[in-house]
Amino acid sequence: MKVIFTVEAGSEYDLRVYTQASAMWSTIWDFDQYLRGQMKHGTLTDAEYNAYEKIREKLHELLNENDVKLDL
């Protein structure tokens, strides 16, 4: 499938956001999966596990507040 977007960027910042959106999504996805993997398969202390869990919950909270879906 070929899709062509035309974007009128108001600034250099806007253009960077549009062009890097996929990389941003991928980075957030990778970080979430890293946290998940460490919690599921890592050798974490209870304190480390709780910290990872808190961080992952905060990440998901922020994603939900901004209506960002990682599962496309």
PDB file of N, CA and C in Angstrom:
ATOM      1  N   MET A   1       0.845  -1.168   0.000  1.00  0.00           N
ATOM      2  CA  MET A   1       0.000   0.000   0.000  1.00  0.00           C
ATOM      3  C   MET A   1       0.892   1.233   0.000  1.00  0.00           C
ATOM      4  N   LYS A   2       0.542   2.182  -0.824  1.00  0.00           N
ATOM      5  CA  LYS A   2       1.303   3.418  -0.889  1.00  0.00           C
ATOM      6  C   LYS A   2       0.410   4.553  -0.403  1.00  0.00           C
ATOM      7  N   VAL A   3       0.924   5.313   0.571  1.00  0.00           N
ATOM      8  CA  VAL A   3       0.187   6.437   1.125  1.00  0.00           C
ATOM      9  C   VAL A   3       1.072   7.661   1.044  1.00  0.00           C
ATOM     10  N   ILE A   4       0.508   8.749   0.550  1.00  0.00           N
ATOM     11  CA  ILE A   4       1.242  10.003   0.457  1.00  0.00           C
ATOM     12  C   ILE A   4       0.540  11.039   1.319  1.00  0.00           C
ATOM     13  N   PHE A   5       1.304  11.650   2.231  1.00  0.00           N
ATOM     14  CA  PHE A   5       0.771  12.693   3.089  1.00  0.00           C
ATOM     15  C   PHE A   5       1.346  14.038   2.666  1.00  0.00           C
ATOM     16  N   THR A   6       0.510  15.032   2.719  1.00  0.00           N
ATOM     17  CA  THR A   6       0.969  16.396   2.523  1.00  0.00           C
ATOM     18  C   THR A   6       0.789  17.111   3.851  1.00  0.00           C
ATOM     19  N   VAL A   7       1.874  17.670   4.354  1.00  0.00           N
ATOM     20  CA  VAL A   7       1.847  18.312   5.667  1.00  0.00           C
ATOM     21  C   VAL A   7       2.300  19.754   5.515  1.00  0.00           C
ATOM     22  N   GLU A   8       1.491  20.642   6.076  1.00  0.00           N
ATOM     23  CA  GLU A   8       1.902  22.039   6.124  1.00  0.00           C
ATOM     24  C   GLU A   8       2.405  22.304   7.531  1.00  0.00           C
ATOM     25  N   ALA A   9       3.699  22.227   7.691  1.00  0.00           N
ATOM     26  CA  ALA A   9       4.306  22.413   9.004  1.00  0.00           C
ATOM     27  C   ALA A   9       4.504  23.896   9.258  1.00  0.00           C
ATOM     28  N   GLY A  10       4.052  24.331  10.422  1.00  0.00           N
ATOM     29  CA  GLY A  10       4.187  25.733  10.780  1.00  0.00           C
ATOM     30  C   GLY A  10       5.581  26.103  11.232  1.00  0.00           C
ATOM     31  N   SER A  11       6.370  25.101  11.560  1.00  0.00           N
ATOM     32  CA  SER A  11       7.723  25.366  12.040  1.00  0.00           C
ATOM     33  C   SER A  11       8.594  24.137  11.810  1.00  0.00           C
ATOM     34  N   GLU A  12       9.868  24.323  12.035  1.00  0.00           N
ATOM     35  CA  GLU A  12      10.813  23.212  11.937  1.00  0.00           C
ATOM     36  C   GLU A  12      10.458  22.131  12.965  1.00  0.00           C
ATOM     37  N   TYR A  13      10.027  22.555  14.144  1.00  0.00           N
ATOM     38  CA  TYR A  13       9.619  21.619  15.195  1.00  0.00           C
ATOM     39  C   TYR A  13       8.452  20.755  14.723  1.00  0.00           C
ATOM     40  N   ASP A  14       7.418  21.386  14.137  1.00  0.00           N
ATOM     41  CA  ASP A  14       6.267  20.643  13.639  1.00  0.00           C
ATOM     42  C   ASP A  14       6.695  19.599  12.606  1.00  0.00           C
ATOM     43  N   LEU A  15       7.573  19.990  11.727  1.00  0.00           N
ATOM     44  CA  LEU A  15       8.056  19.072  10.695  1.00  0.00           C
ATOM     45  C   LEU A  15       8.783  17.888  11.323  1.00  0.00           C
ATOM     46  N   ARG A  16       9.608  18.146  12.334  1.00  0.00           N
ATOM     47  CA  ARG A  16      10.322  17.058  13.008  1.00  0.00           C
ATOM     48  C   ARG A  16       9.353  16.114  13.706  1.00  0.00           C
ATOM     49  N   VAL A  17       8.317  16.640  14.325  1.00  0.00           N
ATOM     50  CA  VAL A  17       7.318  15.789  14.990  1.00  0.00           C
ATOM     51  C   VAL A  17       6.665  14.878  13.962  1.00  0.00           C
ATOM     52  N   TYR A  18       6.259  15.438  12.837  1.00  0.00           N
ATOM     53  CA  TYR A  18       5.608  14.635  11.793  1.00  0.00           C
ATOM     54  C   TYR A  18       6.531  13.558  11.246  1.00  0.00           C
ATOM     55  N   THR A  19       7.779  13.912  11.015  1.00  0.00           N
ATOM     56  CA  THR A  19       8.691  12.963  10.377  1.00  0.00           C
ATOM     57  C   THR A  19       9.256  11.930  11.348  1.00  0.00           C
ATOM     58  N   GLN A  20       9.228  12.218  12.641  1.00  0.00           N
ATOM     59  CA  GLN A  20       9.801  11.288  13.609  1.00  0.00           C
ATOM     60  C   GLN A  20       8.753  10.538  14.427  1.00  0.00           C
ATOM     61  N   ALA A  21       7.505  10.700  14.099  1.00  0.00           N
ATOM     62  CA  ALA A  21       6.436  10.068  14.885  1.00  0.00           C
ATOM     63  C   ALA A  21       6.603   8.549  14.960  1.00  0.00           C
ATOM     64  N   SER A  22       6.955   7.928  13.869  1.00  0.00           N
ATOM     65  CA  SER A  22       7.128   6.475  13.855  1.00  0.00           C
ATOM     66  C   SER A  22       8.278   6.047  14.761  1.00  0.00           C
ATOM     67  N   ALA A  23       9.379   6.776  14.715  1.00  0.00           N
ATOM     68  CA  ALA A  23      10.525   6.456  15.569  1.00  0.00           C
ATOM     69  C   ALA A  23      10.182   6.676  17.040  1.00  0.00           C
ATOM     70  N   MET A  24       9.401   7.717  17.323  1.00  0.00           N
ATOM     71  CA  MET A  24       8.984   7.969  18.707  1.00  0.00           C
ATOM     72  C   MET A  24       8.119   6.819  19.216  1.00  0.00           C
ATOM     73  N   TRP A  25       7.156   6.409  18.400  1.00  0.00           N
ATOM     74  CA  TRP A  25       6.280   5.295  18.778  1.00  0.00           C
ATOM     75  C   TRP A  25       7.115   4.041  19.027  1.00  0.00           C
ATOM     76  N   SER A  26       8.053   3.755  18.138  1.00  0.00           N
ATOM     77  CA  SER A  26       8.887   2.569  18.257  1.00  0.00           C
ATOM     78  C   SER A  26       9.730   2.603  19.528  1.00  0.00           C
ATOM     79  N   THR A  27      10.246   3.765  19.871  1.00  0.00           N
ATOM     80  CA  THR A  27      11.055   3.911  21.077  1.00  0.00           C
ATOM     81  C   THR A  27      10.229   3.659  22.332  1.00  0.00           C
ATOM     82  N   ILE A  28       9.025   4.216  22.377  1.00  0.00           N
ATOM     83  CA  ILE A  28       8.146   4.001  23.527  1.00  0.00           C
ATOM     84  C   ILE A  28       7.766   2.526  23.622  1.00  0.00           C
ATOM     85  N   TRP A  29       7.451   1.919  22.483  1.00  0.00           N
ATOM     86  CA  TRP A  29       7.104   0.491  22.453  1.00  0.00           C
ATOM     87  C   TRP A  29       8.266  -0.353  22.980  1.00  0.00           C
ATOM     88  N   ASP A  30       9.470  -0.077  22.489  1.00  0.00           N
ATOM     89  CA  ASP A  30      10.644  -0.830  22.913  1.00  0.00           C
ATOM     90  C   ASP A  30      10.883  -0.687  24.417  1.00  0.00           C
ATOM     91  N   PHE A  31      10.716   0.520  24.952  1.00  0.00           N
ATOM     92  CA  PHE A  31      10.914   0.750  26.376  1.00  0.00           C
ATOM     93  C   PHE A  31       9.877  -0.018  27.198  1.00  0.00           C
ATOM     94  N   ASP A  32       8.633   0.016  26.763  1.00  0.00           N
ATOM     95  CA  ASP A  32       7.581  -0.725  27.458  1.00  0.00           C
ATOM     96  C   ASP A  32       7.880  -2.220  27.442  1.00  0.00           C
ATOM     97  N   GLN A  33       8.319  -2.738  26.315  1.00  0.00           N
ATOM     98  CA  GLN A  33       8.636  -4.158  26.206  1.00  0.00           C
ATOM     99  C   GLN A  33       9.857  -4.532  27.041  1.00  0.00           C
ATOM    100  N   TYR A  34      10.820  -3.618  27.134  1.00  0.00           N
ATOM    101  CA  TYR A  34      11.982  -3.845  27.995  1.00  0.00           C
ATOM    102  C   TYR A  34      11.529  -3.986  29.448  1.00  0.00           C
ATOM    103  N   LEU A  35      10.699  -3.050  29.899  1.00  0.00           N
ATOM    104  CA  LEU A  35      10.203  -3.112  31.277  1.00  0.00           C
ATOM    105  C   LEU A  35       9.436  -4.412  31.509  1.00  0.00           C
ATOM    106  N   ARG A  36       8.569  -4.749  30.570  1.00  0.00           N
ATOM    107  CA  ARG A  36       7.773  -5.983  30.683  1.00  0.00           C
ATOM    108  C   ARG A  36       8.677  -7.205  30.770  1.00  0.00           C
ATOM    109  N   GLY A  37       9.673  -7.266  29.899  1.00  0.00           N
ATOM    110  CA  GLY A  37      10.589  -8.404  29.882  1.00  0.00           C
ATOM    111  C   GLY A  37      11.377  -8.538  31.171  1.00  0.00           C
ATOM    112  N   GLN A  38      11.839  -7.420  31.688  1.00  0.00           N
ATOM    113  CA  GLN A  38      12.578  -7.460  32.944  1.00  0.00           C
ATOM    114  C   GLN A  38      11.700  -7.940  34.086  1.00  0.00           C
ATOM    115  N   MET A  39      10.447  -7.474  34.091  1.00  0.00           N
ATOM    116  CA  MET A  39       9.525  -7.876  35.151  1.00  0.00           C
ATOM    117  C   MET A  39       9.156  -9.354  35.041  1.00  0.00           C
ATOM    118  N   LYS A  40       9.065  -9.846  33.823  1.00  0.00           N
ATOM    119  CA  LYS A  40       8.621 -11.227  33.614  1.00  0.00           C
ATOM    120  C   LYS A  40       9.776 -12.231  33.699  1.00  0.00           C
ATOM    121  N   HIS A  41      10.943 -11.863  33.140  1.00  0.00           N
ATOM    122  CA  HIS A  41      12.026 -12.828  33.018  1.00  0.00           C
ATOM    123  C   HIS A  41      13.305 -12.430  33.735  1.00  0.00           C
ATOM    124  N   GLY A  42      13.368 -11.188  34.218  1.00  0.00           N
ATOM    125  CA  GLY A  42      14.588 -10.717  34.867  1.00  0.00           C
ATOM    126  C   GLY A  42      14.735 -11.262  36.272  1.00  0.00           C
ATOM    127  N   THR A  43      15.921 -11.122  36.796  1.00  0.00           N
ATOM    128  CA  THR A  43      16.183 -11.533  38.175  1.00  0.00           C
ATOM    129  C   THR A  43      16.222 -10.281  39.032  1.00  0.00           C
ATOM    130  N   LEU A  44      15.055  -9.748  39.312  1.00  0.00           N
ATOM    131  CA  LEU A  44      14.931  -8.500  40.040  1.00  0.00           C
ATOM    132  C   LEU A  44      14.656  -8.751  41.514  1.00  0.00           C
ATOM    133  N   THR A  45      15.168  -7.866  42.333  1.00  0.00           N
ATOM    134  CA  THR A  45      14.778  -7.902  43.736  1.00  0.00           C
ATOM    135  C   THR A  45      13.339  -7.395  43.822  1.00  0.00           C
ATOM    136  N   ASP A  46      12.729  -7.572  44.963  1.00  0.00           N
ATOM    137  CA  ASP A  46      11.363  -7.070  45.143  1.00  0.00           C
ATOM    138  C   ASP A  46      11.311  -5.560  44.934  1.00  0.00           C
ATOM    139  N   ALA A  47      12.306  -4.854  45.446  1.00  0.00           N
ATOM    140  CA  ALA A  47      12.345  -3.395  45.307  1.00  0.00           C
ATOM    141  C   ALA A  47      12.494  -3.002  43.837  1.00  0.00           C
ATOM    142  N   GLU A  48      13.348  -3.695  43.096  1.00  0.00           N
ATOM    143  CA  GLU A  48      13.528  -3.410  41.671  1.00  0.00           C
ATOM    144  C   GLU A  48      12.243  -3.700  40.900  1.00  0.00           C
ATOM    145  N   TYR A  49      11.630  -4.846  41.195  1.00  0.00           N
ATOM    146  CA  TYR A  49      10.379  -5.206  40.527  1.00  0.00           C
ATOM    147  C   TYR A  49       9.322  -4.131  40.753  1.00  0.00           C
ATOM    148  N   ASN A  50       9.190  -3.697  42.000  1.00  0.00           N
ATOM    149  CA  ASN A  50       8.205  -2.662  42.327  1.00  0.00           C
ATOM    150  C   ASN A  50       8.505  -1.356  41.601  1.00  0.00           C
ATOM    151  N   ALA A  51       9.782  -1.007  41.486  1.00  0.00           N
ATOM    152  CA  ALA A  51      10.165   0.215  40.771  1.00  0.00           C
ATOM    153  C   ALA A  51       9.821   0.099  39.285  1.00  0.00           C
ATOM    154  N   TYR A  52      10.149  -1.032  38.665  1.00  0.00           N
ATOM    155  CA  TYR A  52       9.824  -1.244  37.251  1.00  0.00           C
ATOM    156  C   TYR A  52       8.307  -1.193  37.039  1.00  0.00           C
ATOM    157  N   GLU A  53       7.585  -1.826  37.957  1.00  0.00           N
ATOM    158  CA  GLU A  53       6.131  -1.846  37.850  1.00  0.00           C
ATOM    159  C   GLU A  53       5.556  -0.430  37.935  1.00  0.00           C
ATOM    160  N   LYS A  54       6.073   0.354  38.859  1.00  0.00           N
ATOM    161  CA  LYS A  54       5.611   1.734  39.017  1.00  0.00           C
ATOM    162  C   LYS A  54       5.912   2.569  37.768  1.00  0.00           C
ATOM    163  N   ILE A  55       7.099   2.388  37.224  1.00  0.00           N
ATOM    164  CA  ILE A  55       7.484   3.118  36.015  1.00  0.00           C
ATOM    165  C   ILE A  55       6.592   2.716  34.844  1.00  0.00           C
ATOM    166  N   ARG A  56       6.352   1.417  34.697  1.00  0.00           N
ATOM    167  CA  ARG A  56       5.513   0.944  33.594  1.00  0.00           C
ATOM    168  C   ARG A  56       4.076   1.439  33.741  1.00  0.00           C
ATOM    169  N   GLU A  57       3.567   1.440  34.967  1.00  0.00           N
ATOM    170  CA  GLU A  57       2.219   1.957  35.206  1.00  0.00           C
ATOM    171  C   GLU A  57       2.138   3.446  34.869  1.00  0.00           C
ATOM    172  N   LYS A  58       3.168   4.213  35.230  1.00  0.00           N
ATOM    173  CA  LYS A  58       3.181   5.644  34.925  1.00  0.00           C
ATOM    174  C   LYS A  58       3.255   5.863  33.417  1.00  0.00           C
ATOM    175  N   LEU A  59       4.056   5.080  32.731  1.00  0.00           N
ATOM    176  CA  LEU A  59       4.142   5.175  31.273  1.00  0.00           C
ATOM    177  C   LEU A  59       2.774   4.945  30.650  1.00  0.00           C
ATOM    178  N   HIS A  60       2.078   3.906  31.092  1.00  0.00           N
ATOM    179  CA  HIS A  60       0.753   3.595  30.546  1.00  0.00           C
ATOM    180  C   HIS A  60      -0.256   4.677  30.911  1.00  0.00           C
ATOM    181  N   GLU A  61      -0.141   5.222  32.107  1.00  0.00           N
ATOM    182  CA  GLU A  61      -1.026   6.314  32.524  1.00  0.00           C
ATOM    183  C   GLU A  61      -0.855   7.533  31.608  1.00  0.00           C
ATOM    184  N   LEU A  62       0.392   7.893  31.334  1.00  0.00           N
ATOM    185  CA  LEU A  62       0.660   9.034  30.455  1.00  0.00           C
ATOM    186  C   LEU A  62       0.182   8.765  29.030  1.00  0.00           C
ATOM    187  N   LEU A  63       0.394   7.555  28.551  1.00  0.00           N
ATOM    188  CA  LEU A  63      -0.077   7.203  27.212  1.00  0.00           C
ATOM    189  C   LEU A  63      -1.600   7.301  27.142  1.00  0.00           C
ATOM    190  N   ASN A  64      -2.281   6.788  28.157  1.00  0.00           N
ATOM    191  CA  ASN A  64      -3.746   6.841  28.180  1.00  0.00           C
ATOM    192  C   ASN A  64      -4.257   8.273  28.259  1.00  0.00           C
ATOM    193  N   GLU A  65      -3.625   9.103  29.084  1.00  0.00           N
ATOM    194  CA  GLU A  65      -4.039  10.499  29.211  1.00  0.00           C
ATOM    195  C   GLU A  65      -3.932  11.251  27.881  1.00  0.00           C
ATOM    196  N   ASN A  66      -2.975  10.834  27.063  1.00  0.00           N
ATOM    197  CA  ASN A  66      -2.751  11.486  25.781  1.00  0.00           C
ATOM    198  C   ASN A  66      -3.357  10.718  24.613  1.00  0.00           C
ATOM    199  N   ASP A  67      -4.163   9.702  24.943  1.00  0.00           N
ATOM    200  CA  ASP A  67      -4.836   8.880  23.940  1.00  0.00           C
ATOM    201  C   ASP A  67      -3.864   8.280  22.923  1.00  0.00           C
ATOM    202  N   VAL A  68      -2.735   7.808  23.442  1.00  0.00           N
ATOM    203  CA  VAL A  68      -1.724   7.159  22.607  1.00  0.00           C
ATOM    204  C   VAL A  68      -1.872   5.663  22.772  1.00  0.00           C
ATOM    205  N   LYS A  69      -2.017   4.963  21.672  1.00  0.00           N
ATOM    206  CA  LYS A  69      -2.174   3.514  21.675  1.00  0.00           C
ATOM    207  C   LYS A  69      -0.904   2.856  21.139  1.00  0.00           C
ATOM    208  N   LEU A  70      -0.323   1.952  21.917  1.00  0.00           N
ATOM    209  CA  LEU A  70       0.845   1.229  21.441  1.00  0.00           C
ATOM    210  C   LEU A  70       0.453   0.027  20.596  1.00  0.00           C
ATOM    211  N   ASP A  71      -0.715  -0.541  20.881  1.00  0.00           N
ATOM    212  CA  ASP A  71      -1.186  -1.688  20.112  1.00  0.00           C
ATOM    213  C   ASP A  71      -1.965  -1.183  18.913  1.00  0.00           C
ATOM    214  N   LEU A  72      -1.306  -1.161  17.776  1.00  0.00           N
ATOM    215  CA  LEU A  72      -1.941  -0.645  16.559  1.00  0.00           C
ATOM    216  C   LEU A  72      -2.622  -1.730  15.782  1.00  0.00           C
TER     217      LEU A  72
END
